[in-house]
Amino acid sequence: MIFRQFFDPVSSTYTYLMASGRGREAVIIDPVKEQAHHYLAAINDLDLKLVRAIDTHTHADHITALGDLRTATGCVTIMGEFTKASCVSEAIREGETVTVDGIVLQAIYTPGHTDESFSFVLGPAQPLAVFTGDVLLIRGSGRTDFQGGDARKSWDSIVNKLFRLPDEVTVYPGHDYKGWSASSIGEERRHNPRLAGRTEAEYVAIMNGLNLPNPKLMDIAVPANLACGNV
């Protein structure tokens, strides 16, 4: 399998490009508008055809490249069924799959960071990895104080859905701010300081007490992302 992880230094966003390599069809997850030229260069260099582009949720800290990539490649853009982005080509429900040339991604509804967040499990029959967007981060979790976020829903999504995946499943988050590139379900269950050994009430108290400033681009990014990146 062809797998590439891209990093946007401004928003600390990870983007993931995958292809089986057989038919050269590819899928990308959480692309950033300012990095679109890098994705397109990689797609060209690897002799791939981008056929699906996925956003795990409506991002508040960067502008999506979904629209730009659809214009450039004709790919189908995908978000979860509760998105308010009417420009998305397809809305996916929990349990449904995105299949691209042998690569299978199963959607899991994981609200908490936002009320429309989805995660995607790679190879659901024998899970290899999960792309968690912002709900579960490496040794952390996504904030729950705007865009319909809810700390109790975040706990439920992580503990009762993501943590039920096998320990060895690799966790690929939507962001990292400390230099980590990947983790695993087992690592996060045992070592995530917001979750390991915590009760739901303790987790909710932690999340409700973060008092973080709004993302700098929030007022620009959210409306732009509801239009698939058209500013």
Protein backbone atom coordinates (compact mmCIF):
# COMPACT_ATOMS: atom_id res chain seq x y z
CA MET A 1 0.00 0.00 0.00
CA ILE A 2 1.14 3.54 -0.76
CA PHE A 3 0.83 5.73 2.34
CA ARG A 4 1.95 9.33 2.81
CA GLN A 5 1.51 11.57 5.84
CA PHE A 6 1.68 15.33 5.23
CA PHE A 7 2.02 18.06 7.84
CA ASP A 8 0.83 21.67 7.73
CA PRO A 9 3.08 23.65 10.11
CA VAL A 10 0.70 26.58 10.52
CA SER A 11 -2.23 24.56 11.89
CA SER A 12 -0.28 21.42 12.92
CA THR A 13 -2.66 19.41 10.75
CA TYR A 14 -1.91 15.92 9.46
CA THR A 15 -3.21 14.86 6.05
CA TYR A 16 -3.14 11.27 4.82
CA LEU A 17 -2.87 10.02 1.24
CA MET A 18 -3.44 6.33 0.51
CA ALA A 19 -3.56 4.05 -2.50
CA SER A 20 -3.35 0.28 -2.87
CA GLY A 21 -0.98 0.71 -5.80
CA ARG A 22 -2.85 -1.77 -7.98
CA GLY A 23 -5.16 0.48 -9.97
CA ARG A 24 -3.40 3.70 -8.89
CA GLU A 25 -6.59 5.15 -7.37
CA ALA A 26 -6.11 7.18 -4.19
CA VAL A 27 -8.00 8.68 -1.25
CA ILE A 28 -6.95 11.64 0.90
CA ILE A 29 -8.11 12.55 4.43
CA ASP A 30 -8.23 16.06 5.95
CA PRO A 31 -6.39 18.05 3.25
CA VAL A 32 -5.34 21.66 3.90
CA LYS A 33 -5.93 24.32 1.21
CA GLU A 34 -2.45 25.84 1.45
CA GLN A 35 -0.85 22.41 0.97
CA ALA A 36 -2.93 21.32 -2.03
CA HIS A 37 -0.04 21.81 -4.44
CA HIS A 38 2.07 19.36 -2.40
CA TYR A 39 -0.66 16.71 -2.53
CA LEU A 40 -1.11 17.18 -6.26
CA ALA A 41 2.63 16.94 -6.82
CA ALA A 42 2.79 13.70 -4.84
CA ILE A 43 -0.21 12.29 -6.69
CA ASN A 44 1.51 13.10 -9.99
CA ASP A 45 4.91 11.76 -8.92
CA LEU A 46 3.37 8.50 -7.68
CA ASP A 47 1.27 8.14 -10.85
CA LEU A 48 -1.98 8.13 -8.86
CA LYS A 49 -5.52 9.27 -9.57
CA LEU A 50 -7.31 10.93 -6.64
CA VAL A 51 -10.88 9.61 -6.56
CA ARG A 52 -12.02 10.36 -2.98
CA ALA A 53 -11.28 13.24 -0.58
CA ILE A 54 -12.56 13.10 3.01
CA ASP A 55 -12.88 15.63 5.81
CA THR A 56 -13.41 14.09 9.25
CA HIS A 57 -15.28 17.23 10.39
CA THR A 58 -15.67 20.96 9.77
CA HIS A 59 -12.28 22.32 10.74
CA ALA A 60 -11.92 25.62 12.62
CA ASP A 61 -8.15 26.11 12.41
CA HIS A 62 -7.49 25.75 8.68
CA ILE A 63 -9.29 25.91 5.37
CA THR A 64 -9.98 22.60 3.67
CA ALA A 65 -8.64 21.67 0.25
CA LEU A 66 -11.70 19.57 -0.61
CA GLY A 67 -13.00 22.05 -3.17
CA ASP A 68 -9.61 22.72 -4.75
CA LEU A 69 -8.86 19.00 -5.07
CA ARG A 70 -12.29 18.29 -6.56
CA THR A 71 -11.72 21.03 -9.14
CA ALA A 72 -8.23 19.79 -9.97
CA THR A 73 -8.91 16.04 -10.08
CA GLY A 74 -12.66 15.46 -10.30
CA CYS A 75 -12.56 13.49 -7.04
CA VAL A 76 -15.67 12.83 -4.95
CA THR A 77 -15.69 14.82 -1.69
CA ILE A 78 -17.03 13.10 1.43
CA MET A 79 -18.06 14.11 4.94
CA GLY A 80 -20.26 12.59 7.62
CA GLU A 81 -24.03 12.73 7.30
CA PHE A 82 -24.45 15.49 9.89
CA THR A 83 -22.24 18.02 8.12
CA LYS A 84 -23.74 21.38 7.26
CA ALA A 85 -21.43 21.68 4.24
CA SER A 86 -23.97 21.36 1.43
CA CYS A 87 -21.22 21.45 -1.20
CA VAL A 88 -19.93 17.98 -0.25
CA SER A 89 -20.51 15.36 -2.96
CA GLU A 90 -21.42 12.48 -0.64
CA ALA A 91 -22.52 12.20 3.01
CA ILE A 92 -21.58 8.99 4.80
CA ARG A 93 -23.33 7.26 7.70
CA GLU A 94 -21.91 5.26 10.59
CA GLY A 95 -20.96 1.76 9.48
CA GLU A 96 -20.79 2.64 5.80
CA THR A 97 -17.53 2.22 3.94
CA VAL A 98 -15.44 4.16 1.46
CA THR A 99 -13.71 1.72 -0.89
CA VAL A 100 -10.93 2.82 -3.20
CA ASP A 101 -9.13 0.17 -5.25
CA GLY A 102 -9.01 -2.36 -2.40
CA ILE A 103 -8.58 0.16 0.41
CA VAL A 104 -11.60 0.05 2.73
CA LEU A 105 -12.37 2.80 5.25
CA GLN A 106 -15.32 2.31 7.60
CA ALA A 107 -17.01 5.38 9.05
CA ILE A 108 -17.57 5.67 12.80
CA TYR A 109 -19.63 8.55 14.15
CA THR A 110 -17.45 10.08 16.89
CA PRO A 111 -18.99 13.37 18.06
CA GLY A 112 -17.54 15.37 20.90
CA HIS A 113 -15.01 17.68 19.31
CA THR A 114 -17.80 18.78 16.98
CA ASP A 115 -21.31 17.41 16.65
CA GLU A 116 -20.57 16.01 13.16
CA SER A 117 -17.15 14.41 13.61
CA PHE A 118 -16.41 11.02 12.07
CA SER A 119 -13.43 8.68 12.38
CA PHE A 120 -12.42 6.16 9.73
CA VAL A 121 -11.12 2.63 10.34
CA LEU A 122 -8.72 1.22 7.77
CA GLY A 123 -9.53 -2.41 6.96
CA PRO A 124 -12.53 -2.94 9.26
CA ALA A 125 -12.50 -6.73 8.85
CA GLN A 126 -9.04 -6.78 10.48
CA PRO A 127 -8.44 -3.20 11.60
CA LEU A 128 -5.01 -1.81 10.81
CA ALA A 129 -5.40 1.87 11.67
CA VAL A 130 -7.94 4.52 12.56
CA PHE A 131 -7.99 8.13 11.39
CA THR A 132 -9.48 9.93 14.37
CA GLY A 133 -9.70 13.52 13.15
CA ASP A 134 -9.68 15.71 16.25
CA VAL A 135 -11.71 13.60 18.69
CA LEU A 136 -8.71 11.51 19.84
CA LEU A 137 -5.23 12.99 19.66
CA ILE A 138 -1.90 11.54 20.73
CA ARG A 139 -1.86 11.82 24.53
CA GLY A 140 -4.77 14.23 24.32
CA SER A 141 -8.19 14.85 22.82
CA GLY A 142 -9.87 17.55 20.79
CA ARG A 143 -11.42 20.50 22.59
CA THR A 144 -15.17 20.34 23.13
CA ASP A 145 -16.19 23.96 23.68
CA PHE A 146 -17.54 25.05 20.26
CA GLN A 147 -19.23 23.79 17.06
CA GLY A 148 -21.59 21.59 19.04
CA GLY A 149 -18.77 20.03 21.02
CA ASP A 150 -19.66 18.07 24.13
CA ALA A 151 -17.25 16.53 26.65
CA ARG A 152 -19.57 13.64 27.52
CA LYS A 153 -20.02 12.78 23.85
CA SER A 154 -16.24 12.97 23.43
CA TRP A 155 -15.77 10.48 26.28
CA ASP A 156 -18.38 8.15 24.78
CA SER A 157 -16.84 8.34 21.31
CA ILE A 158 -13.36 7.58 22.59
CA VAL A 159 -14.03 5.06 25.35
CA ASN A 160 -17.04 3.22 23.95
CA LYS A 161 -16.15 3.30 20.25
CA LEU A 162 -12.47 3.94 19.49
CA PHE A 163 -11.09 2.15 22.55
CA ARG A 164 -13.03 -0.98 21.56
CA LEU A 165 -10.72 -1.39 18.59
CA PRO A 166 -7.78 -3.79 19.10
CA ASP A 167 -4.79 -2.42 21.02
CA GLU A 168 -2.46 -2.76 18.04
CA VAL A 169 -4.53 -0.53 15.76
CA THR A 170 -2.47 2.52 14.77
CA VAL A 171 -3.95 5.91 15.64
CA TYR A 172 -3.46 8.63 13.05
CA PRO A 173 -4.85 11.92 14.43
CA GLY A 174 -5.88 15.09 12.66
CA HIS A 175 -3.31 17.15 14.57
CA ASP A 176 -0.26 16.92 16.76
CA TYR A 177 1.49 19.74 18.56
CA LYS A 178 4.42 17.90 20.17
CA GLY A 179 6.14 16.10 17.31
CA TRP A 180 4.34 12.75 17.48
CA SER A 181 3.29 11.25 14.16
CA ALA A 182 1.22 8.22 15.25
CA SER A 183 0.16 6.23 18.29
CA SER A 184 -1.93 3.12 18.94
CA ILE A 185 -5.23 2.35 20.62
CA GLY A 186 -3.45 0.45 23.37
CA GLU A 187 -1.01 3.30 24.04
CA GLU A 188 -3.78 5.86 24.29
CA ARG A 189 -5.92 3.64 26.51
CA ARG A 190 -3.00 3.18 28.92
CA HIS A 191 -1.13 6.47 28.71
CA ASN A 192 -3.42 9.28 27.54
CA PRO A 193 -3.40 11.59 30.61
CA ARG A 194 -6.94 12.80 30.03
CA LEU A 195 -8.36 9.29 29.80
CA ALA A 196 -6.18 6.64 31.45
CA GLY A 197 -7.54 5.79 34.88
CA ARG A 198 -10.10 8.58 34.67
CA THR A 199 -13.82 8.46 35.22
CA GLU A 200 -16.22 10.13 32.82
CA ALA A 201 -16.85 12.87 35.37
CA GLU A 202 -13.12 13.55 35.72
CA TYR A 203 -12.72 13.73 31.96
CA VAL A 204 -15.63 16.15 31.63
CA ALA A 205 -14.13 18.35 34.35
CA ILE A 206 -10.78 18.40 32.55
CA MET A 207 -12.32 19.30 29.20
CA ASN A 208 -14.64 21.94 30.64
CA GLY A 209 -11.72 23.55 32.45
CA LEU A 210 -9.35 23.97 29.51
CA ASN A 211 -10.35 27.61 28.82
CA LEU A 212 -8.57 27.74 25.47
CA PRO A 213 -8.71 30.75 23.15
CA ASN A 214 -10.60 30.31 19.90
CA PRO A 215 -8.48 29.24 16.90
CA LYS A 216 -7.10 32.30 15.14
CA LEU A 217 -8.74 31.43 11.81
CA MET A 218 -12.05 30.23 13.23
CA ASP A 219 -14.19 33.08 11.89
CA ILE A 220 -12.70 32.59 8.43
CA ALA A 221 -12.17 28.81 8.35
CA VAL A 222 -15.60 27.60 9.47
CA PRO A 223 -17.67 29.47 6.85
CA ALA A 224 -15.07 28.71 4.19
CA ASN A 225 -15.14 25.02 5.07
CA LEU A 226 -18.91 24.92 4.87
CA ALA A 227 -18.29 25.94 1.25
CA CYS A 228 -15.60 23.24 0.77
CA GLY A 229 -12.76 25.74 1.06
CA ASN A 230 -14.13 28.53 -1.12
CA VAL A 231 -13.24 31.71 0.74
